[in-house]
Amino acid sequence: MKKEIDLPKMEITIDGYFIVVKYKKNVTIERDDAELFTQSLYENTFNECKYVQLSDVREMTTMSREARDYFAEKGGQIVKYSAILLNDGIQKTLANMFSMFSKPKVETKYFTNEKNAIDWLNANL
């Protein structure tokens, strides 16, 4: 069953064990946004670590360190693989640096091509 959730700064679609998060244009994600997102997942999933997630951050402005740290800590409770869709190689380099320091508990890969991201997630379902 497909579920769609519209939050103030992001739209979430849950289809089976596939989660798609589209961040809205020109938003800054703060810790309270990260907490609201996580709460929405708990309320709309089976609360088991079997999901894969595609996060489209191409239109988002930025994410606070507190929000990044929260996602790095809490992400592994529901999501087992995460693909993050970026605009370009510069964003990808910065994202890889974030992963080195924040050490997310979820296996995370960064993509500039949506089809490649979806293929990788489907291979890990």
C-alpha atoms as a PDB file:
ATOM      1  CA  MET A   1       0.000   0.000   0.000  1.00  0.00           C
ATOM      2  CA  LYS A   2       1.392   3.390  -1.047  1.00  0.00           C
ATOM      3  CA  LYS A   3       1.371   6.201   1.525  1.00  0.00           C
ATOM      4  CA  GLU A   4       2.093   9.861   0.888  1.00  0.00           C
ATOM      5  CA  ILE A   5       2.991  12.250   3.708  1.00  0.00           C
ATOM      6  CA  ASP A   6       3.325  16.003   3.216  1.00  0.00           C
ATOM      7  CA  LEU A   7       5.466  17.662   5.883  1.00  0.00           C
ATOM      8  CA  PRO A   8       6.324  21.378   5.965  1.00  0.00           C
ATOM      9  CA  LYS A   9       9.801  20.902   4.433  1.00  0.00           C
ATOM     10  CA  MET A  10       9.605  17.534   2.695  1.00  0.00           C
ATOM     11  CA  GLU A  11       7.283  15.074   0.975  1.00  0.00           C
ATOM     12  CA  ILE A  12       7.519  11.376   1.834  1.00  0.00           C
ATOM     13  CA  THR A  13       6.230   8.473  -0.232  1.00  0.00           C
ATOM     14  CA  ILE A  14       6.275   4.980   1.236  1.00  0.00           C
ATOM     15  CA  ASP A  15       5.627   2.195  -1.264  1.00  0.00           C
ATOM     16  CA  GLY A  16       6.195  -1.245   0.203  1.00  0.00           C
ATOM     17  CA  TYR A  17       9.687  -1.146   1.663  1.00  0.00           C
ATOM     18  CA  PHE A  18      10.780   1.767  -0.574  1.00  0.00           C
ATOM     19  CA  ILE A  19      10.793   5.280   0.916  1.00  0.00           C
ATOM     20  CA  VAL A  20      11.233   8.385  -1.239  1.00  0.00           C
ATOM     21  CA  VAL A  21      11.913  11.725   0.441  1.00  0.00           C
ATOM     22  CA  LYS A  22      11.766  14.871  -1.669  1.00  0.00           C
ATOM     23  CA  TYR A  23      12.997  17.952   0.147  1.00  0.00           C
ATOM     24  CA  LYS A  24      11.127  21.103  -0.802  1.00  0.00           C
ATOM     25  CA  LYS A  25      12.770  23.994  -2.604  1.00  0.00           C
ATOM     26  CA  ASN A  26      14.973  26.413  -0.666  1.00  0.00           C
ATOM     27  CA  VAL A  27      14.435  24.859   2.769  1.00  0.00           C
ATOM     28  CA  THR A  28      16.884  24.525   5.628  1.00  0.00           C
ATOM     29  CA  ILE A  29      16.454  21.296   7.583  1.00  0.00           C
ATOM     30  CA  GLU A  30      16.830  21.692  11.342  1.00  0.00           C
ATOM     31  CA  ARG A  31      16.834  19.044  14.063  1.00  0.00           C
ATOM     32  CA  ASP A  32      13.090  19.479  14.708  1.00  0.00           C
ATOM     33  CA  ASP A  33      12.437  18.738  11.012  1.00  0.00           C
ATOM     34  CA  ALA A  34      14.556  15.579  11.313  1.00  0.00           C
ATOM     35  CA  GLU A  35      12.601  14.537  14.410  1.00  0.00           C
ATOM     36  CA  LEU A  36       9.267  15.148  12.652  1.00  0.00           C
ATOM     37  CA  PHE A  37      10.444  13.089   9.679  1.00  0.00           C
ATOM     38  CA  THR A  38      11.518  10.205  11.926  1.00  0.00           C
ATOM     39  CA  GLN A  39       8.258  10.328  13.882  1.00  0.00           C
ATOM     40  CA  SER A  40       6.320  10.201  10.588  1.00  0.00           C
ATOM     41  CA  LEU A  41       8.265   7.101   9.541  1.00  0.00           C
ATOM     42  CA  TYR A  42       7.547   5.372  12.861  1.00  0.00           C
ATOM     43  CA  GLU A  43       3.852   6.126  12.489  1.00  0.00           C
ATOM     44  CA  ASN A  44       3.667   4.891   8.879  1.00  0.00           C
ATOM     45  CA  THR A  45       5.986   1.885   8.690  1.00  0.00           C
ATOM     46  CA  PHE A  46       6.329  -1.482  10.365  1.00  0.00           C
ATOM     47  CA  ASN A  47       9.195  -0.093  12.499  1.00  0.00           C
ATOM     48  CA  GLU A  48      11.620  -2.706  11.282  1.00  0.00           C
ATOM     49  CA  CYS A  49      14.941  -2.164   9.566  1.00  0.00           C
ATOM     50  CA  LYS A  50      13.975  -3.449   6.122  1.00  0.00           C
ATOM     51  CA  TYR A  51      13.416  -0.221   4.213  1.00  0.00           C
ATOM     52  CA  VAL A  52      15.510   1.464   1.554  1.00  0.00           C
ATOM     53  CA  GLN A  53      15.343   5.220   1.124  1.00  0.00           C
ATOM     54  CA  LEU A  54      15.942   7.637  -1.724  1.00  0.00           C
ATOM     55  CA  SER A  55      16.456  11.210  -0.492  1.00  0.00           C
ATOM     56  CA  ASP A  56      16.272  13.899  -3.159  1.00  0.00           C
ATOM     57  CA  VAL A  57      18.134  16.911  -1.747  1.00  0.00           C
ATOM     58  CA  ARG A  58      18.680  18.696  -5.062  1.00  0.00           C
ATOM     59  CA  GLU A  59      16.395  21.636  -4.193  1.00  0.00           C
ATOM     60  CA  MET A  60      17.126  21.839  -0.476  1.00  0.00           C
ATOM     61  CA  THR A  61      19.283  24.764   0.642  1.00  0.00           C
ATOM     62  CA  THR A  62      21.090  23.240   3.616  1.00  0.00           C
ATOM     63  CA  MET A  63      20.848  20.965   6.636  1.00  0.00           C
ATOM     64  CA  SER A  64      22.062  21.908  10.102  1.00  0.00           C
ATOM     65  CA  ARG A  65      24.765  19.872  11.791  1.00  0.00           C
ATOM     66  CA  GLU A  66      22.252  18.888  14.489  1.00  0.00           C
ATOM     67  CA  ALA A  67      19.861  17.532  11.854  1.00  0.00           C
ATOM     68  CA  ARG A  68      22.677  15.617  10.096  1.00  0.00           C
ATOM     69  CA  ASP A  69      23.834  14.123  13.391  1.00  0.00           C
ATOM     70  CA  TYR A  70      20.259  13.142  14.278  1.00  0.00           C
ATOM     71  CA  PHE A  71      19.763  11.421  10.912  1.00  0.00           C
ATOM     72  CA  ALA A  72      23.136   9.670  11.257  1.00  0.00           C
ATOM     73  CA  GLU A  73      22.140   8.358  14.697  1.00  0.00           C
ATOM     74  CA  LYS A  74      18.469   7.455  14.139  1.00  0.00           C
ATOM     75  CA  GLY A  75      18.465   6.462  10.479  1.00  0.00           C
ATOM     76  CA  GLY A  76      19.443   2.848  11.030  1.00  0.00           C
ATOM     77  CA  GLN A  77      16.365   2.036  13.064  1.00  0.00           C
ATOM     78  CA  ILE A  78      14.103   1.715  10.008  1.00  0.00           C
ATOM     79  CA  VAL A  79      16.269   2.204   6.922  1.00  0.00           C
ATOM     80  CA  LYS A  80      18.985  -0.274   5.921  1.00  0.00           C
ATOM     81  CA  TYR A  81      20.196   1.434   2.711  1.00  0.00           C
ATOM     82  CA  SER A  82      20.050   5.102   1.792  1.00  0.00           C
ATOM     83  CA  ALA A  83      20.696   6.730  -1.574  1.00  0.00           C
ATOM     84  CA  ILE A  84      21.042  10.487  -1.621  1.00  0.00           C
ATOM     85  CA  LEU A  85      20.372  12.272  -4.884  1.00  0.00           C
ATOM     86  CA  LEU A  86      22.548  15.355  -5.425  1.00  0.00           C
ATOM     87  CA  ASN A  87      22.949  17.982  -8.142  1.00  0.00           C
ATOM     88  CA  ASP A  88      26.612  17.608  -8.996  1.00  0.00           C
ATOM     89  CA  GLY A  89      30.027  16.276  -8.127  1.00  0.00           C
ATOM     90  CA  ILE A  90      30.776  19.154  -5.742  1.00  0.00           C
ATOM     91  CA  GLN A  91      27.783  18.274  -3.569  1.00  0.00           C
ATOM     92  CA  LYS A  92      28.835  14.625  -3.794  1.00  0.00           C
ATOM     93  CA  THR A  93      32.335  15.425  -2.510  1.00  0.00           C
ATOM     94  CA  LEU A  94      30.903  17.405   0.415  1.00  0.00           C
ATOM     95  CA  ALA A  95      28.457  14.609   1.204  1.00  0.00           C
ATOM     96  CA  ASN A  96      31.242  12.027   1.244  1.00  0.00           C
ATOM     97  CA  MET A  97      33.151  14.229   3.702  1.00  0.00           C
ATOM     98  CA  PHE A  98      30.035  14.382   5.902  1.00  0.00           C
ATOM     99  CA  SER A  99      29.877  10.591   5.921  1.00  0.00           C
ATOM    100  CA  MET A 100      33.480  10.341   7.060  1.00  0.00           C
ATOM    101  CA  PHE A 101      32.788  12.560  10.083  1.00  0.00           C
ATOM    102  CA  SER A 102      29.180  11.716  11.003  1.00  0.00           C
ATOM    103  CA  LYS A 103      29.482   7.988  10.290  1.00  0.00           C
ATOM    104  CA  PRO A 104      25.817   7.188   9.534  1.00  0.00           C
ATOM    105  CA  LYS A 105      24.631   3.803  10.784  1.00  0.00           C
ATOM    106  CA  VAL A 106      22.976   3.157   7.419  1.00  0.00           C
ATOM    107  CA  GLU A 107      24.902   2.164   4.309  1.00  0.00           C
ATOM    108  CA  THR A 108      24.715   5.361   2.286  1.00  0.00           C
ATOM    109  CA  LYS A 109      25.691   6.159  -1.290  1.00  0.00           C
ATOM    110  CA  TYR A 110      25.507   9.437  -3.145  1.00  0.00           C
ATOM    111  CA  PHE A 111      24.270   9.782  -6.708  1.00  0.00           C
ATOM    112  CA  THR A 112      23.782  12.469  -9.322  1.00  0.00           C
ATOM    113  CA  ASN A 113      21.737  10.104 -11.512  1.00  0.00           C
ATOM    114  CA  GLU A 114      18.286   9.123 -10.191  1.00  0.00           C
ATOM    115  CA  LYS A 115      18.043   5.882 -12.186  1.00  0.00           C
ATOM    116  CA  ASN A 116      21.391   4.673 -10.802  1.00  0.00           C
ATOM    117  CA  ALA A 117      20.253   5.475  -7.259  1.00  0.00           C
ATOM    118  CA  ILE A 118      16.971   3.589  -7.690  1.00  0.00           C
ATOM    119  CA  ASP A 119      18.739   0.614  -9.301  1.00  0.00           C
ATOM    120  CA  TRP A 120      21.166   0.412  -6.359  1.00  0.00           C
ATOM    121  CA  LEU A 121      18.330   0.559  -3.827  1.00  0.00           C
ATOM    122  CA  ASN A 122      16.261  -2.062  -5.672  1.00  0.00           C
ATOM    123  CA  ALA A 123      19.290  -4.356  -5.700  1.00  0.00           C
ATOM    124  CA  ASN A 124      19.401  -4.050  -1.895  1.00  0.00           C
ATOM    125  CA  LEU A 125      15.707  -4.561  -1.129  1.00  0.00           C
END
